[in-house]
Every structure is written in C-alpha cells, then in structure tokens.
Amino acid sequence: MAQIVPGVHSIDGLDHPIPTVGMVSYLIEEKPGDYTLVDTCFACSIPTFESYLSEASIDIKDINRIVLTHLHPDHVEAVNALKKKTAAKIYSHWIEAAYLSHELQYNGPPDRDALEHVLKLMGTSIDIVTEKFGNLKVGPIVIDGLLKDGDKIGNTLQVIHTPGHTPGHISLYDKERRILIGGDILFNSILNTDGLFVPPPVVTKDWQTSIVSAKNILNLKVDKLLLAHQSTPILENAQQMIEKAVSVATTQKNTVTK
C-alpha cells in the first residue's frame, strides 16, 4: 500500500489470473475515519488487502463507499465479501448495474476462449488459474447507488463515463489534484507491451469506442494517471502519455478499417 498524495492510497500487489498483470485498487480518505474504495480484487486477495489496511492503521469498517469502475471479475469479485466486512454502499454506472445484478447477461469479452489463449501466451493455463481463483464467475451484486456522467462521489471524485472497455465503464477525476483514477481505460506496461496503451479487443467490448473515451479524457487536466493494471502509477506528464497512446491506437484503428 502506497500513498500517492495525502489522502490517496494505492493498494497494489493484489493477485490476478494473468501473470504480470496484477490488480490495483485505490483508497480515498474523505475525512478522518471515512474512506472510499475504488474497485476491489479477487476474493483470494482479501487477506492481502486486509493486511495492507492493518499496516496503515486503517480500520476496514471505515470504508463507507465502494465504487466499481466496471464489471470485470478482477475488479468486483470480492465486493460481496467486502460489503459484509464494511457495510459500505456499492456504486456503479447505471448501465453496468444491470449486468452486475444479473438483470442482464453480459457476454464478454473476455470470454473463456480468449482467456485461455492469453493464459497460454503468458505461460499458464485455465486449470492452474481456476485452482486458485475459482471459475471466475461472479454472483449477483446489488448496487446501492446508480451513477451517471458528471456525478460526484465523496468530497472530490467526479464520475466520467468512459465506455468501450465495457458499456458502463467509468473513470474518477479529482480536479483539484489533477488525478484520474482510470480503471481499465488504459493499461501501462503489461501483457508484454511497453508503455501506455488502449486495452486490446480481446478484453474490450468496443475497442473503437474505448479509443474515443481515451481521447475524450484529454479534455481534462490530468497530471497523475492511476490505473488498475500498471507497472507503476503515472505521476507526472500523464497528459502527454495519454495523447501518445491515443495516437498509436488511432493509427492501428485506421489500419484495421482500411
């Protein structure tokens, strides 16, 4: 667990089925004894999560809000267990909520075939993964608060609807500190790819829309970009790095569509 700036902590070192990817969630201190958690992890990482909180002298019961950037299992699988431990209210974009509650069925990506392909490329297998992480299926999650673009969570976080990776994917923007907590709007130096990049179609519902969303966040003033899957957080020059990633993805898109 690391402090990015006063009141903003990253909880990294959380396990992920795909080697080298990892999972990072974020804890925002709204005021003493009042925290907002952005994304969770897999249930098998809850002991690690709790250990980090203990080392930082943070009571898990002081987490009063859990905001989900999107519905993928690596971000939400531990939600129901953590809600029991914290009594926190759960928030997501209204589009995502219908899938999280199982009112609607979400049909990837990623699907099982895509996951097996990626795991094979990374030197592991679905059997090894399911032994530790289970079948990667998430039970229904009841959403207490439905979010839309422009809403505010806690004291500082503004909801930015950034669809593409999933239909209801959101990012969270702290205007005063020029921080964007971006979920999976971008990846940074994972999956054997160096630098910042738009997540590929194998894990993204609508890749072209995700490029548009990444381009749109250039309208924000962002110095620090905090992602769920990253080699390191981007703590300076985020704007320029996002612009480069968008340019590369746009070139790739134009090549594919020719």
Protein backbone atom coordinates (compact mmCIF):
# COMPACT_ATOMS: atom_id res chain seq x y z
CA MET A 1 0.00 0.00 0.00
CA ALA A 2 1.44 3.36 -1.04
CA GLN A 3 0.39 6.96 -0.58
CA ILE A 4 0.15 8.68 -3.98
CA VAL A 5 -0.63 12.07 -2.45
CA PRO A 6 -2.04 12.81 1.01
CA GLY A 7 -5.41 11.08 1.23
CA VAL A 8 -4.99 8.91 -1.88
CA HIS A 9 -3.55 5.41 -1.45
CA SER A 10 -2.90 2.63 -3.95
CA ILE A 11 -3.45 -0.95 -2.84
CA ASP A 12 -1.23 -2.95 -5.15
CA GLY A 13 0.22 -6.44 -5.07
CA LEU A 14 -3.25 -7.96 -5.42
CA ASP A 15 -3.31 -11.22 -7.38
CA HIS A 16 -4.54 -11.59 -10.95
CA PRO A 17 -5.05 -14.77 -13.01
CA ILE A 18 -2.88 -13.48 -15.87
CA PRO A 19 0.81 -13.39 -14.90
CA THR A 20 2.42 -9.91 -14.69
CA VAL A 21 -0.93 -8.10 -14.87
CA GLY A 22 -1.67 -7.60 -11.16
CA MET A 23 -4.56 -5.60 -9.75
CA VAL A 24 -4.51 -2.19 -8.08
CA SER A 25 -7.41 -0.68 -6.16
CA TYR A 26 -7.45 2.78 -4.62
CA LEU A 27 -8.47 4.13 -1.24
CA ILE A 28 -9.52 7.77 -0.91
CA GLU A 29 -9.68 9.41 2.52
CA GLU A 30 -12.71 11.69 2.52
CA LYS A 31 -12.10 12.76 6.13
CA PRO A 32 -10.62 11.00 9.18
CA GLY A 33 -12.39 7.65 9.56
CA ASP A 34 -14.23 7.92 6.22
CA TYR A 35 -12.87 6.20 3.09
CA THR A 36 -13.98 5.48 -0.47
CA LEU A 37 -12.60 2.34 -2.13
CA VAL A 38 -12.32 2.33 -5.92
CA ASP A 39 -12.54 -1.26 -7.24
CA THR A 40 -11.81 -4.40 -5.26
CA CYS A 41 -9.98 -7.59 -6.24
CA PHE A 42 -10.44 -11.35 -6.26
CA ALA A 43 -11.67 -12.88 -3.02
CA CYS A 44 -8.41 -14.81 -2.64
CA SER A 45 -6.64 -11.44 -2.23
CA ILE A 46 -8.81 -10.22 0.65
CA PRO A 47 -6.24 -11.30 3.30
CA THR A 48 -3.57 -9.26 1.46
CA PHE A 49 -5.97 -6.33 1.24
CA GLU A 50 -6.74 -6.50 4.96
CA SER A 51 -3.05 -6.78 5.80
CA TYR A 52 -2.31 -3.57 3.90
CA LEU A 53 -5.06 -1.75 5.78
CA SER A 54 -3.76 -3.03 9.11
CA GLU A 55 -0.21 -1.89 8.36
CA ALA A 56 -1.56 1.57 7.51
CA SER A 57 -3.68 1.62 10.71
CA ILE A 58 -6.90 1.89 8.70
CA ASP A 59 -9.99 0.15 10.07
CA ILE A 60 -11.75 -1.78 7.29
CA LYS A 61 -15.09 -0.67 8.77
CA ASP A 62 -14.18 2.92 7.88
CA ILE A 63 -14.66 2.09 4.19
CA ASN A 64 -18.11 3.58 3.61
CA ARG A 65 -18.28 3.54 -0.21
CA ILE A 66 -17.08 1.06 -2.83
CA VAL A 67 -17.10 2.43 -6.38
CA LEU A 68 -16.78 -0.06 -9.24
CA THR A 69 -15.25 1.23 -12.45
CA HIS A 70 -16.69 -1.72 -14.38
CA LEU A 71 -17.99 -5.26 -14.16
CA HIS A 72 -14.97 -7.47 -14.94
CA PRO A 73 -14.32 -10.09 -12.23
CA ASP A 74 -10.86 -8.82 -11.29
CA HIS A 75 -12.50 -5.54 -10.21
CA VAL A 76 -15.62 -6.85 -8.48
CA GLU A 77 -15.31 -10.47 -7.34
CA ALA A 78 -14.57 -9.54 -3.72
CA VAL A 79 -17.35 -6.92 -3.48
CA ASN A 80 -19.96 -9.01 -1.70
CA ALA A 81 -17.45 -10.31 0.85
CA LEU A 82 -16.08 -6.82 1.49
CA LYS A 83 -19.57 -5.38 1.85
CA LYS A 84 -20.18 -7.83 4.70
CA LYS A 85 -16.96 -6.71 6.39
CA THR A 86 -17.51 -2.97 5.86
CA ALA A 87 -21.26 -2.35 5.43
CA ALA A 88 -20.21 0.02 2.63
CA LYS A 89 -22.64 1.17 -0.05
CA ILE A 90 -21.81 -0.07 -3.56
CA TYR A 91 -21.83 2.28 -6.55
CA SER A 92 -21.51 1.74 -10.31
CA HIS A 93 -22.62 3.35 -13.54
CA TRP A 94 -26.31 2.68 -14.18
CA ILE A 95 -25.55 0.71 -17.36
CA GLU A 96 -23.13 -1.57 -15.54
CA ALA A 97 -25.53 -2.10 -12.64
CA ALA A 98 -27.94 -4.17 -14.74
CA TYR A 99 -25.16 -6.63 -15.58
CA LEU A 100 -23.70 -6.71 -12.07
CA SER A 101 -27.12 -7.55 -10.60
CA HIS A 102 -27.62 -10.24 -13.30
CA GLU A 103 -30.74 -8.47 -14.53
CA LEU A 104 -29.00 -8.67 -17.90
CA GLN A 105 -26.42 -11.24 -19.04
CA TYR A 106 -23.03 -9.89 -20.06
CA ASN A 107 -21.37 -11.74 -22.93
CA GLY A 108 -17.75 -10.66 -22.79
CA PRO A 109 -15.14 -10.11 -23.89
CA PRO A 110 -13.14 -11.60 -22.45
CA ASP A 111 -14.76 -14.98 -22.94
CA ARG A 112 -13.28 -18.33 -21.92
CA ASP A 113 -11.58 -18.96 -25.29
CA ALA A 114 -9.89 -15.55 -25.21
CA LEU A 115 -8.79 -16.05 -21.61
CA GLU A 116 -7.34 -19.48 -22.38
CA HIS A 117 -5.44 -18.00 -25.34
CA VAL A 118 -3.95 -15.18 -23.25
CA LEU A 119 -3.06 -17.53 -20.41
CA LYS A 120 -1.27 -19.84 -22.82
CA LEU A 121 0.73 -16.93 -24.22
CA MET A 122 1.69 -15.96 -20.66
CA GLY A 123 2.86 -19.48 -19.80
CA THR A 124 -0.01 -20.76 -17.68
CA SER A 125 -3.38 -22.48 -18.15
CA ILE A 126 -7.02 -22.21 -17.19
CA ASP A 127 -6.69 -25.24 -14.89
CA ILE A 128 -3.93 -23.61 -12.86
CA VAL A 129 -5.92 -20.38 -12.63
CA THR A 130 -9.20 -21.95 -11.53
CA GLU A 131 -7.42 -23.87 -8.77
CA LYS A 132 -6.59 -20.53 -7.11
CA PHE A 133 -9.25 -18.12 -8.38
CA GLY A 134 -12.24 -20.41 -8.91
CA ASN A 135 -14.33 -20.34 -12.08
CA LEU A 136 -14.06 -16.51 -12.40
CA LYS A 137 -17.85 -16.19 -12.36
CA VAL A 138 -19.26 -13.51 -10.09
CA GLY A 139 -22.55 -13.83 -8.25
CA PRO A 140 -25.16 -11.06 -8.36
CA ILE A 141 -24.03 -7.74 -6.87
CA VAL A 142 -26.68 -5.37 -5.55
CA ILE A 143 -25.83 -1.77 -6.44
CA ASP A 144 -26.91 0.78 -3.84
CA GLY A 145 -26.19 3.89 -5.91
CA LEU A 146 -26.52 4.34 -9.66
CA LEU A 147 -24.02 6.76 -11.21
CA LYS A 148 -24.02 8.81 -14.39
CA ASP A 149 -21.52 11.07 -16.10
CA GLY A 150 -20.83 14.18 -14.02
CA ASP A 151 -21.96 12.78 -10.67
CA LYS A 152 -19.80 13.36 -7.61
CA ILE A 153 -18.68 10.67 -5.17
CA GLY A 154 -17.40 11.65 -1.74
CA ASN A 155 -15.73 15.04 -1.50
CA THR A 156 -13.61 15.22 -4.63
CA LEU A 157 -14.27 12.48 -7.19
CA GLN A 158 -16.22 13.29 -10.34
CA VAL A 159 -17.67 10.44 -12.41
CA ILE A 160 -16.52 10.40 -16.04
CA HIS A 161 -18.34 7.88 -18.24
CA THR A 162 -15.61 6.25 -20.35
CA PRO A 163 -17.34 3.44 -22.27
CA GLY A 164 -15.70 0.96 -24.61
CA HIS A 165 -13.85 -1.48 -22.38
CA THR A 166 -17.35 -2.21 -21.08
CA PRO A 167 -20.55 -0.23 -21.79
CA GLY A 168 -20.75 1.37 -18.34
CA HIS A 169 -17.04 1.79 -17.62
CA ILE A 170 -16.28 4.91 -15.57
CA SER A 171 -13.19 6.84 -14.55
CA LEU A 172 -12.98 9.11 -11.50
CA TYR A 173 -11.49 12.59 -11.72
CA ASP A 174 -10.10 14.70 -8.89
CA LYS A 175 -9.96 18.15 -10.49
CA GLU A 176 -8.17 19.90 -7.62
CA ARG A 177 -5.32 17.38 -7.51
CA ARG A 178 -5.44 16.69 -11.29
CA ILE A 179 -5.69 12.94 -10.70
CA LEU A 180 -7.61 10.48 -12.88
CA ILE A 181 -8.37 7.02 -11.49
CA GLY A 182 -8.94 5.31 -14.80
CA GLY A 183 -9.85 1.69 -14.11
CA ASP A 184 -9.14 -0.09 -17.40
CA ILE A 185 -9.47 2.86 -19.76
CA LEU A 186 -5.74 2.28 -20.41
CA PHE A 187 -3.08 -0.28 -19.46
CA ASN A 188 0.51 0.62 -18.61
CA SER A 189 3.40 -1.72 -19.49
CA ILE A 190 1.70 -5.08 -19.01
CA LEU A 191 0.94 -8.08 -21.27
CA ASN A 192 4.42 -7.82 -22.80
CA THR A 193 3.64 -4.33 -24.11
CA ASP A 194 5.75 -1.34 -23.08
CA GLY A 195 4.18 1.98 -22.27
CA LEU A 196 0.62 3.21 -22.07
CA PHE A 197 -1.90 1.60 -24.43
CA VAL A 198 -5.62 1.16 -25.05
CA PRO A 199 -6.67 -2.36 -23.93
CA PRO A 200 -6.98 -4.64 -26.97
CA PRO A 201 -10.21 -6.07 -28.43
CA VAL A 202 -9.58 -9.44 -26.78
CA VAL A 203 -10.54 -7.86 -23.43
CA THR A 204 -12.57 -4.88 -24.66
CA LYS A 205 -16.24 -4.82 -25.67
CA ASP A 206 -16.00 -1.97 -28.17
CA TRP A 207 -12.39 -1.12 -28.97
CA GLN A 208 -13.15 1.86 -31.21
CA THR A 209 -15.36 3.43 -28.55
CA SER A 210 -12.64 2.88 -25.95
CA ILE A 211 -10.24 4.87 -28.15
CA VAL A 212 -12.77 7.71 -28.27
CA SER A 213 -13.10 7.60 -24.47
CA ALA A 214 -9.33 7.76 -24.04
CA LYS A 215 -9.23 10.72 -26.42
CA ASN A 216 -12.01 12.46 -24.51
CA ILE A 217 -10.11 12.42 -21.22
CA LEU A 218 -7.54 14.65 -22.90
CA ASN A 219 -10.10 17.41 -22.31
CA LEU A 220 -9.39 17.06 -18.59
CA LYS A 221 -6.31 18.48 -16.91
CA VAL A 222 -4.53 15.34 -15.71
CA ASP A 223 -1.07 15.14 -14.18
CA LYS A 224 -1.41 11.76 -12.45
CA LEU A 225 -3.00 8.68 -14.02
CA LEU A 226 -3.81 5.78 -11.69
CA LEU A 227 -4.80 2.55 -13.43
CA ALA A 228 -5.94 -0.85 -12.25
CA HIS A 229 -3.27 -2.66 -14.31
CA GLN A 230 0.09 -0.94 -14.45
CA SER A 231 3.78 -1.47 -13.96
CA THR A 232 3.87 1.80 -11.99
CA PRO A 233 1.47 4.70 -11.49
CA ILE A 234 1.97 7.65 -13.85
CA LEU A 235 2.65 10.54 -11.51
CA GLU A 236 3.71 13.23 -13.98
CA ASN A 237 3.29 14.06 -17.68
CA ALA A 238 0.13 11.93 -17.84
CA GLN A 239 -1.47 14.19 -20.43
CA GLN A 240 1.34 13.69 -22.93
CA MET A 241 1.45 9.93 -22.37
CA ILE A 242 -2.31 9.60 -22.87
CA GLU A 243 -2.07 11.63 -26.07
CA LYS A 244 0.63 9.29 -27.41
CA ALA A 245 -1.41 6.17 -26.53
CA VAL A 246 -4.46 7.61 -28.29
CA SER A 247 -2.39 8.44 -31.36
CA VAL A 248 -0.98 4.91 -31.59
CA ALA A 249 -4.43 3.34 -31.14
CA THR A 250 -5.98 5.65 -33.73
CA THR A 251 -3.31 4.65 -36.25
CA GLN A 252 -3.96 0.98 -35.50
CA LYS A 253 -7.71 1.51 -35.90
CA ASN A 254 -7.28 3.23 -39.23
CA THR A 255 -5.04 0.42 -40.47
CA VAL A 256 -7.58 -2.22 -39.45
CA THR A 257 -10.54 -0.42 -41.03
CA LYS A 258 -8.86 0.26 -44.40
